């Protein structure tokens, strides 16, 4: 019986040993070291050097170089309209005619009064001369002669007043004929023939001068300093591009800088003048404006999509020769044609990641797509050495 118990215990021990060994074997499989993180798949481009134009870009609002709202300077019935809406007119062209009968009558009345008083003046002058001679002969007194002198002076004053009345009546009559004060394009007719218009109140039509035409826009205070420095050395060219018509551009020059910076926005108003000979630009239209102030020669440039924004500012991922990624804080400059100037942080020839940044870890391995080909994207020229030098 003792032997049987010993055998039973031996069997249990063997089973426990087997289970323990199996468990240990299973655990050994679970504690195997995990495989390393795979390299991040990215696209890179090299930092290159190029001549980059220093641009100021803005959205401008087109304004007529001259705009006049035509109003009547007198009240009266509008009897004649000589033009078609939207017509081009020259300065001095007849536009409207008002009923002139009452003003013609007023002129005739003023002229008649002038003629009467001129006759009175002439007779009063002759009487004064005659009585002056009689005083010398002792026939009449000095007081009688002075009375005629007073009459002559009064008649002379009446003549002066009548001349002014005649001039006023002629001016009022001339207002019955309304001509174009400037050359330009007519707008919509606001009052039809037959209506009675009020003096200096009713707008009849508006004339806008389209050639040349102005573009009004705003720039920052920092850009203003660059603009003033460049204007001191010559005219600043401005290109206008219509948003809805790709490739259509008009060339102009900066013609005006306001004398006050808006304290609310920190911007200042600027105007550019365009010849607009083809009349592609229209008052009230919004256009994209760009001014080339200078050229940054041999600037370090990278594709703009390589630049990322972090908590500490802008940075790029640079790929080192050992295939790892490194964070490079950068200072950026102007942007032109999808390329950004790097003032600090990247050197020519450095490979920067332009796609796949979300998978990149600082110090982690990267794999460049198409690594069997030269890494990077060809960078087109962004400027011309003959265009000028970078501003100091």
Protein backbone atom coordinates (compact mmCIF):
# COMPACT_ATOMS: atom_id res chain seq x y z
CA UNK A 1 0.00 0.00 0.00
CA UNK A 2 2.83 2.34 0.77
CA UNK A 3 4.36 1.60 -2.66
CA UNK A 4 1.10 2.41 -4.43
CA UNK A 5 0.92 5.80 -2.66
CA UNK A 6 4.48 6.57 -3.70
CA UNK A 7 3.72 5.72 -7.29
CA UNK A 8 0.63 8.00 -7.23
CA UNK A 9 2.64 10.91 -5.90
CA UNK A 10 5.30 10.34 -8.54
CA UNK A 11 2.71 10.49 -11.29
CA UNK A 12 1.28 13.74 -9.91
CA UNK A 13 4.78 15.29 -9.72
CA UNK A 14 5.50 14.27 -13.28
CA UNK A 15 2.26 15.87 -14.44
CA UNK A 16 2.95 19.07 -12.57
CA UNK A 17 6.46 19.22 -14.05
CA UNK A 18 5.08 18.75 -17.55
CA UNK A 19 2.46 21.45 -17.05
CA UNK A 20 5.05 23.81 -15.60
CA UNK A 21 7.43 23.18 -18.47
CA UNK A 22 4.68 23.72 -21.01
CA UNK A 23 3.69 26.94 -19.28
CA UNK A 24 7.24 28.16 -19.25
CA UNK A 25 7.56 27.31 -22.90
CA UNK A 26 4.41 29.29 -23.68
CA UNK A 27 5.63 32.31 -21.69
CA UNK A 28 8.93 32.22 -23.47
CA UNK A 29 7.09 32.68 -26.75
CA UNK A 30 5.12 35.68 -25.37
CA UNK A 31 8.19 37.61 -24.19
CA UNK A 32 9.86 37.60 -27.58
CA UNK A 33 11.25 41.01 -28.53
CA UNK A 34 8.94 42.98 -30.89
CA UNK A 35 10.14 43.92 -34.31
CA UNK A 36 11.48 47.53 -34.84
CA UNK A 37 9.31 50.40 -36.25
CA UNK A 38 9.42 50.43 -40.06
CA UNK A 39 10.95 53.47 -41.76
CA UNK A 40 8.53 56.28 -42.65
CA UNK A 41 7.85 56.48 -46.37
CA UNK A 42 8.44 60.10 -47.53
CA UNK A 43 9.12 62.28 -50.56
CA UNK A 44 12.04 64.70 -50.36
CA UNK A 45 13.35 67.65 -52.32
CA UNK A 46 16.73 69.38 -52.17
CA UNK A 47 17.24 72.94 -50.98
CA UNK A 48 18.56 74.95 -53.91
CA UNK A 49 19.63 78.49 -54.70
CA UNK A 50 17.67 80.80 -57.00
CA UNK A 51 17.00 84.46 -57.70
CA UNK A 52 13.66 85.22 -56.06
CA UNK A 53 11.64 88.38 -56.77
CA UNK A 54 10.62 90.27 -53.65
CA UNK A 55 6.88 90.74 -54.14
CA UNK A 56 4.07 92.55 -52.40
CA UNK A 57 0.69 91.03 -53.16
CA UNK A 58 -2.68 92.57 -52.42
CA UNK A 59 -6.31 92.61 -53.51
CA UNK A 60 -7.21 95.91 -55.13
CA UNK A 61 -10.50 97.62 -55.86
CA UNK A 62 -10.69 99.46 -59.17
CA UNK A 63 -11.76 103.10 -59.16
CA UNK A 64 -12.36 105.52 -62.02
CA UNK A 65 -9.56 108.07 -62.30
CA UNK A 66 -12.30 110.73 -62.57
CA UNK A 67 -15.98 110.37 -61.72
CA UNK A 68 -18.64 113.08 -62.04
CA UNK A 69 -22.31 112.85 -61.06
CA UNK A 70 -24.11 115.22 -63.44
CA UNK A 71 -26.71 117.43 -61.72
CA UNK A 72 -28.66 120.39 -62.97
CA UNK A 73 -27.64 123.72 -61.46
CA UNK A 74 -31.11 125.15 -62.03
CA UNK A 75 -34.67 123.87 -61.67
CA UNK A 76 -36.69 123.20 -64.79
CA UNK A 77 -38.19 120.71 -67.19
CA UNK A 78 -35.81 118.30 -68.94
CA UNK A 79 -36.68 118.70 -72.61
CA UNK A 80 -33.87 116.94 -74.49
CA UNK A 81 -31.44 114.01 -73.96
CA UNK A 82 -28.73 113.58 -76.58
CA UNK A 83 -26.99 110.31 -75.66
CA UNK A 84 -27.44 106.58 -75.22
CA UNK A 85 -26.73 104.89 -71.89
CA UNK A 86 -23.19 103.44 -71.73
CA UNK A 87 -21.95 105.70 -74.51
CA UNK A 88 -18.43 107.11 -74.63
CA UNK A 89 -18.43 110.93 -74.65
CA UNK A 90 -15.82 113.62 -75.02
CA UNK A 91 -15.44 116.64 -72.78
CA UNK A 92 -17.81 119.43 -73.85
CA UNK A 93 -20.32 117.17 -75.62
CA UNK A 94 -23.98 118.15 -75.23
CA UNK A 95 -25.86 115.84 -72.84
CA UNK A 96 -29.11 117.54 -71.74
CA UNK A 97 -31.26 120.54 -72.56
CA UNK A 98 -33.68 122.14 -70.09
CA UNK A 99 -36.64 124.43 -70.88
CA UNK A 100 -34.96 127.83 -71.29
CA UNK A 101 -37.96 130.14 -71.92
CA UNK A 102 -38.23 131.58 -68.41
CA UNK A 103 -34.47 132.16 -68.23
CA UNK A 104 -34.46 133.84 -71.65
CA UNK A 105 -37.19 136.20 -70.45
CA UNK A 106 -35.22 136.99 -67.29
CA UNK A 107 -32.18 137.84 -69.41
CA UNK A 108 -34.19 140.16 -71.66
CA UNK A 109 -35.62 141.94 -68.62
CA UNK A 110 -32.16 142.44 -67.13
CA UNK A 111 -30.83 143.76 -70.46
CA UNK A 112 -33.74 146.22 -70.76
CA UNK A 113 -33.12 147.54 -67.25
CA UNK A 114 -29.46 147.99 -68.10
CA UNK A 115 -30.29 149.94 -71.25
CA UNK A 116 -32.67 152.27 -69.34
CA UNK A 117 -30.18 152.99 -66.57
CA UNK A 118 -27.36 153.57 -69.07
CA UNK A 119 -29.54 156.26 -70.69
CA UNK A 120 -30.25 157.83 -67.30
CA UNK A 121 -26.55 157.79 -66.50
CA UNK A 122 -25.67 159.47 -69.76
CA UNK A 123 -28.22 162.29 -69.22
CA UNK A 124 -27.22 162.73 -65.58
CA UNK A 125 -23.60 163.07 -66.59
CA UNK A 126 -24.42 165.75 -69.17
CA UNK A 127 -26.56 167.68 -66.66
CA UNK A 128 -23.79 167.66 -64.08
CA UNK A 129 -21.26 168.98 -66.63
CA UNK A 130 -23.63 171.77 -67.69
CA UNK A 131 -24.41 172.84 -64.13
CA UNK A 132 -20.71 172.75 -63.22
CA UNK A 133 -20.10 175.34 -65.94
CA UNK A 134 -23.05 177.47 -64.77
CA UNK A 135 -21.59 177.52 -61.27
CA UNK A 136 -18.41 179.02 -62.67
CA UNK A 137 -20.49 181.67 -64.46
CA UNK A 138 -22.38 182.44 -61.25
CA UNK A 139 -25.77 181.54 -62.72
CA UNK A 140 -26.57 178.59 -60.35
CA UNK A 141 -25.38 177.69 -56.91
CA UNK A 142 -22.91 174.96 -56.02
CA UNK A 143 -25.64 173.06 -54.20
CA UNK A 144 -27.70 172.75 -57.39
CA UNK A 145 -24.69 171.39 -59.28
CA UNK A 146 -23.99 168.86 -56.49
CA UNK A 147 -27.55 167.55 -56.82
CA UNK A 148 -26.93 166.63 -60.45
CA UNK A 149 -23.61 165.02 -59.53
CA UNK A 150 -25.42 162.82 -57.00
CA UNK A 151 -27.95 161.80 -59.65
CA UNK A 152 -25.13 160.83 -62.04
CA UNK A 153 -23.38 158.72 -59.40
CA UNK A 154 -26.65 156.98 -58.49
CA UNK A 155 -27.33 156.21 -62.15
CA UNK A 156 -23.80 154.82 -62.50
CA UNK A 157 -24.39 152.47 -59.54
CA UNK A 158 -27.66 151.32 -61.14
CA UNK A 159 -25.80 150.52 -64.35
CA UNK A 160 -23.23 148.43 -62.46
CA UNK A 161 -26.02 146.49 -60.72
CA UNK A 162 -27.84 145.93 -64.01
CA UNK A 163 -24.66 144.59 -65.64
CA UNK A 164 -24.33 142.08 -62.80
CA UNK A 165 -28.00 141.11 -63.23
CA UNK A 166 -27.48 140.58 -66.96
CA UNK A 167 -24.42 138.40 -66.30
CA UNK A 168 -26.34 136.35 -63.73
CA UNK A 169 -29.27 135.89 -66.14
CA UNK A 170 -26.90 134.76 -68.91
CA UNK A 171 -25.27 132.28 -66.53
CA UNK A 172 -28.65 130.89 -65.49
CA UNK A 173 -29.61 130.57 -69.14
CA UNK A 174 -26.36 128.73 -69.92
CA UNK A 175 -27.23 126.16 -67.24
CA UNK A 176 -30.16 125.09 -69.40
CA UNK A 177 -27.58 123.41 -71.63
CA UNK A 178 -25.66 120.64 -69.81
CA UNK A 179 -22.42 119.37 -71.35
CA UNK A 180 -19.91 116.70 -70.34
CA UNK A 181 -17.32 118.15 -67.92
CA UNK A 182 -14.90 115.26 -68.59
CA UNK A 183 -14.34 112.56 -71.19
CA UNK A 184 -15.46 109.10 -70.17
CA UNK A 185 -18.18 106.48 -70.22
CA UNK A 186 -21.77 107.37 -69.36
CA UNK A 187 -23.76 105.32 -66.90
CA UNK A 188 -27.50 104.77 -66.62
CA UNK A 189 -29.89 107.66 -67.30
CA UNK A 190 -31.50 108.44 -63.95
CA UNK A 191 -34.21 110.90 -65.14
CA UNK A 192 -36.17 110.70 -68.38
CA UNK A 193 -37.09 113.56 -70.65
CA UNK A 194 -40.18 115.48 -69.54
CA UNK A 195 -39.44 115.34 -65.81
CA UNK A 196 -38.88 118.48 -63.75
CA UNK A 197 -35.49 118.43 -62.05
CA UNK A 198 -34.46 120.38 -58.97
CA UNK A 199 -31.35 122.49 -58.79
CA UNK A 200 -28.26 120.65 -57.40
CA UNK A 201 -30.41 117.74 -56.24
CA UNK A 202 -31.40 115.39 -59.05
CA UNK A 203 -28.57 113.19 -60.44
CA UNK A 204 -29.08 112.87 -64.18
CA UNK A 205 -26.21 110.56 -65.12
CA UNK A 206 -22.68 109.64 -63.95
CA UNK A 207 -19.54 109.81 -66.09
CA UNK A 208 -16.58 107.59 -65.20
CA UNK A 209 -13.19 108.02 -66.79
CA UNK A 210 -11.78 104.54 -67.46
CA UNK A 211 -8.55 105.43 -69.26
CA UNK A 212 -6.54 105.67 -67.12
CA UNK A 213 -8.02 103.89 -64.10
CA UNK A 214 -6.90 103.54 -60.47
CA UNK A 215 -6.55 100.49 -58.24
CA UNK A 216 -6.89 101.15 -54.52
CA UNK A 217 -5.36 98.67 -52.04
CA UNK A 218 -3.75 98.46 -48.60
CA UNK A 219 -0.32 97.26 -47.47
CA UNK A 220 1.21 96.74 -44.03
CA UNK A 221 3.53 99.16 -42.30
CA UNK A 222 6.49 96.81 -42.85
CA UNK A 223 5.78 96.65 -46.60
CA UNK A 224 5.42 100.44 -46.66
CA UNK A 225 9.06 100.91 -45.61
CA UNK A 226 10.23 98.69 -48.45
CA UNK A 227 7.92 100.44 -50.91
CA UNK A 228 9.12 103.93 -49.97
CA UNK A 229 12.75 102.85 -50.23
CA UNK A 230 12.18 101.47 -53.72
CA UNK A 231 10.13 104.47 -54.88
CA UNK A 232 13.01 106.74 -53.93
CA UNK A 233 15.09 105.03 -56.60
CA UNK A 234 12.44 104.90 -59.34
CA UNK A 235 8.91 103.97 -60.35
CA UNK A 236 7.32 100.82 -58.93
CA UNK A 237 5.61 98.55 -61.44
CA UNK A 238 2.29 96.92 -60.49
CA UNK A 239 0.66 93.97 -62.27
CA UNK A 240 -3.11 93.49 -62.09
CA UNK A 241 -4.65 90.09 -62.80
CA UNK A 242 -8.37 89.46 -63.16
CA UNK A 243 -9.46 86.63 -60.83
CA UNK A 244 -12.01 85.25 -63.29
CA UNK A 245 -9.71 85.49 -66.33
CA UNK A 246 -6.49 83.54 -65.80
CA UNK A 247 -3.43 85.03 -67.45
CA UNK A 248 -4.98 88.41 -68.31
CA UNK A 249 -2.72 91.08 -66.83
CA UNK A 250 -2.47 94.86 -66.97
CA UNK A 251 0.67 96.79 -66.07
CA UNK A 252 0.63 100.02 -64.05
CA UNK A 253 2.66 102.05 -61.58
CA UNK A 254 2.25 103.19 -57.98
CA UNK A 255 0.81 106.71 -58.11
CA UNK A 256 -0.24 107.54 -54.54
CA UNK A 257 0.55 106.65 -50.92
CA UNK A 258 -1.77 107.95 -48.22
CA UNK A 259 -0.39 110.12 -45.41
CA UNK A 260 -1.84 108.13 -42.49
CA UNK A 261 -1.60 104.51 -41.33
CA UNK A 262 -4.90 103.12 -40.10
CA UNK A 263 -4.34 102.50 -36.35
CA UNK A 264 -7.04 99.83 -36.29
CA UNK A 265 -5.53 97.62 -39.01
CA UNK A 266 -1.92 98.82 -39.20
CA UNK A 267 -2.27 99.25 -42.97
CA UNK A 268 -1.98 102.22 -45.30
CA UNK A 269 -3.85 102.99 -48.50
CA UNK A 270 -1.98 102.94 -51.81
CA UNK A 271 -3.12 103.62 -55.38
CA UNK A 272 -1.75 102.31 -58.67
CA UNK A 273 -2.51 103.90 -62.04
CA UNK A 274 -3.22 101.72 -65.13
CA UNK A 275 -3.52 102.96 -68.72
CA UNK A 276 -6.32 100.41 -69.33
CA UNK A 277 -6.28 100.98 -73.08
CA UNK A 278 -8.12 97.71 -73.72
CA UNK A 279 -10.63 98.64 -70.98
CA UNK A 280 -10.34 95.27 -69.27
CA UNK A 281 -10.45 96.90 -65.85
CA UNK A 282 -13.74 98.33 -64.59
CA UNK A 283 -14.67 100.52 -61.59
CA UNK A 284 -15.78 98.44 -58.61
CA UNK A 285 -13.93 95.35 -59.85
CA UNK A 286 -11.61 93.40 -57.54
CA UNK A 287 -8.21 92.36 -58.95
CA UNK A 288 -5.11 90.57 -57.72
CA UNK A 289 -2.17 92.97 -57.56
CA UNK A 290 1.54 92.21 -57.30
CA UNK A 291 4.53 94.55 -57.10
CA UNK A 292 8.09 93.41 -57.78
CA UNK A 293 10.24 95.54 -55.49
CA UNK A 294 13.60 93.81 -55.86
CA UNK A 295 15.27 90.44 -56.45
CA UNK A 296 16.95 88.29 -53.79
CA UNK A 297 19.98 86.85 -55.56
CA UNK A 298 21.13 83.28 -54.78
CA UNK A 299 18.55 82.81 -52.05
CA UNK A 300 18.11 79.34 -50.48
CA UNK A 301 14.67 78.04 -51.49
CA UNK A 302 12.64 74.91 -50.75
CA UNK A 303 9.13 73.84 -51.78
CA UNK A 304 6.57 75.59 -49.57
CA UNK A 305 4.87 72.30 -48.62
CA UNK A 306 8.00 71.27 -46.71
CA UNK A 307 7.41 73.93 -44.04
CA UNK A 308 5.49 72.79 -40.94
CA UNK A 309 4.17 74.72 -37.95
CA UNK A 310 4.92 73.55 -34.41
CA UNK A 311 4.61 74.88 -30.87
CA UNK A 312 7.98 76.60 -31.18
CA UNK A 313 7.39 78.00 -34.67
CA UNK A 314 8.15 76.90 -38.20
CA UNK A 315 10.30 73.86 -38.95
CA UNK A 316 11.17 71.30 -41.61
CA UNK A 317 12.25 67.66 -41.49
CA UNK A 318 15.72 67.27 -42.96
CA UNK A 319 16.92 63.81 -44.03
CA UNK A 320 20.47 63.11 -42.84
CA UNK A 321 22.99 60.93 -44.75
CA UNK A 322 22.35 58.00 -42.38
CA UNK A 323 18.66 57.95 -43.38
CA UNK A 324 17.25 59.52 -40.20
CA UNK A 325 15.04 62.59 -39.94
CA UNK A 326 16.02 65.71 -38.05
CA UNK A 327 13.85 68.70 -37.05
CA UNK A 328 15.24 72.00 -38.32
CA UNK A 329 13.70 75.26 -37.05
CA UNK A 330 13.64 77.73 -39.96
CA UNK A 331 13.19 81.43 -40.62
CA UNK A 332 11.33 82.07 -43.86
CA UNK A 333 11.30 84.92 -46.36
CA UNK A 334 9.26 85.69 -49.48
CA UNK A 335 7.26 83.06 -51.38
CA UNK A 336 7.35 82.83 -55.16
CA UNK A 337 5.89 80.19 -57.48
CA UNK A 338 5.42 77.67 -54.70
CA UNK A 339 8.98 78.10 -53.41
CA UNK A 340 9.78 79.70 -50.04
CA UNK A 341 13.01 81.52 -49.23
CA UNK A 342 14.77 80.09 -46.15
CA UNK A 343 16.75 82.75 -44.33
CA UNK A 344 18.07 80.41 -41.63
CA UNK A 345 17.95 76.70 -40.83
CA UNK A 346 18.62 75.00 -44.19
CA UNK A 347 21.67 74.98 -46.44
CA UNK A 348 21.82 74.36 -50.20
CA UNK A 349 21.82 70.62 -50.92
CA UNK A 350 19.94 69.63 -47.72
CA UNK A 351 17.17 67.11 -48.37
CA UNK A 352 13.86 68.17 -46.82
CA UNK A 353 10.66 66.15 -46.54
CA UNK A 354 7.84 67.57 -48.68
CA UNK A 355 5.33 64.72 -48.25
CA UNK A 356 4.72 62.18 -45.49
CA UNK A 357 5.63 64.42 -42.53
CA UNK A 358 2.84 62.91 -40.41
CA UNK A 359 4.68 59.55 -40.34
CA UNK A 360 8.10 60.99 -39.49
CA UNK A 361 9.55 60.87 -35.97
CA UNK A 362 12.54 63.02 -34.96
CA UNK A 363 15.57 60.77 -35.17
CA UNK A 364 13.53 58.00 -36.83
CA UNK A 365 14.41 56.21 -40.00
CA UNK A 366 12.84 57.29 -43.28
CA UNK A 367 12.54 55.63 -46.65
CA UNK A 368 12.51 57.87 -49.71
CA UNK A 369 9.99 57.00 -52.38
CA UNK A 370 11.69 56.24 -55.66
CA UNK A 371 15.07 55.98 -53.97
CA UNK A 372 16.48 54.28 -57.05
CA UNK A 373 16.22 57.70 -58.70
CA UNK A 374 17.86 60.95 -57.64
CA UNK A 375 16.03 62.26 -54.58
CA UNK A 376 14.20 65.54 -54.75
CA UNK A 377 12.14 67.59 -57.18
CA UNK A 378 13.69 69.79 -59.86
CA UNK A 379 13.36 73.45 -58.92
CA UNK A 380 12.60 75.86 -61.79
CA UNK A 381 14.38 79.21 -61.91
CA UNK A 382 12.51 81.84 -59.89
CA UNK A 383 14.20 85.00 -61.01
CA UNK A 384 16.72 86.67 -63.26
CA UNK A 385 20.12 87.96 -62.29
CA UNK A 386 19.58 91.00 -64.51
CA UNK A 387 16.50 92.14 -62.65
CA UNK A 388 18.35 93.76 -59.81
CA UNK A 389 19.85 93.13 -56.42
CA UNK A 390 18.30 92.40 -53.07
CA UNK A 391 17.37 95.39 -50.93
CA UNK A 392 19.72 96.25 -48.13
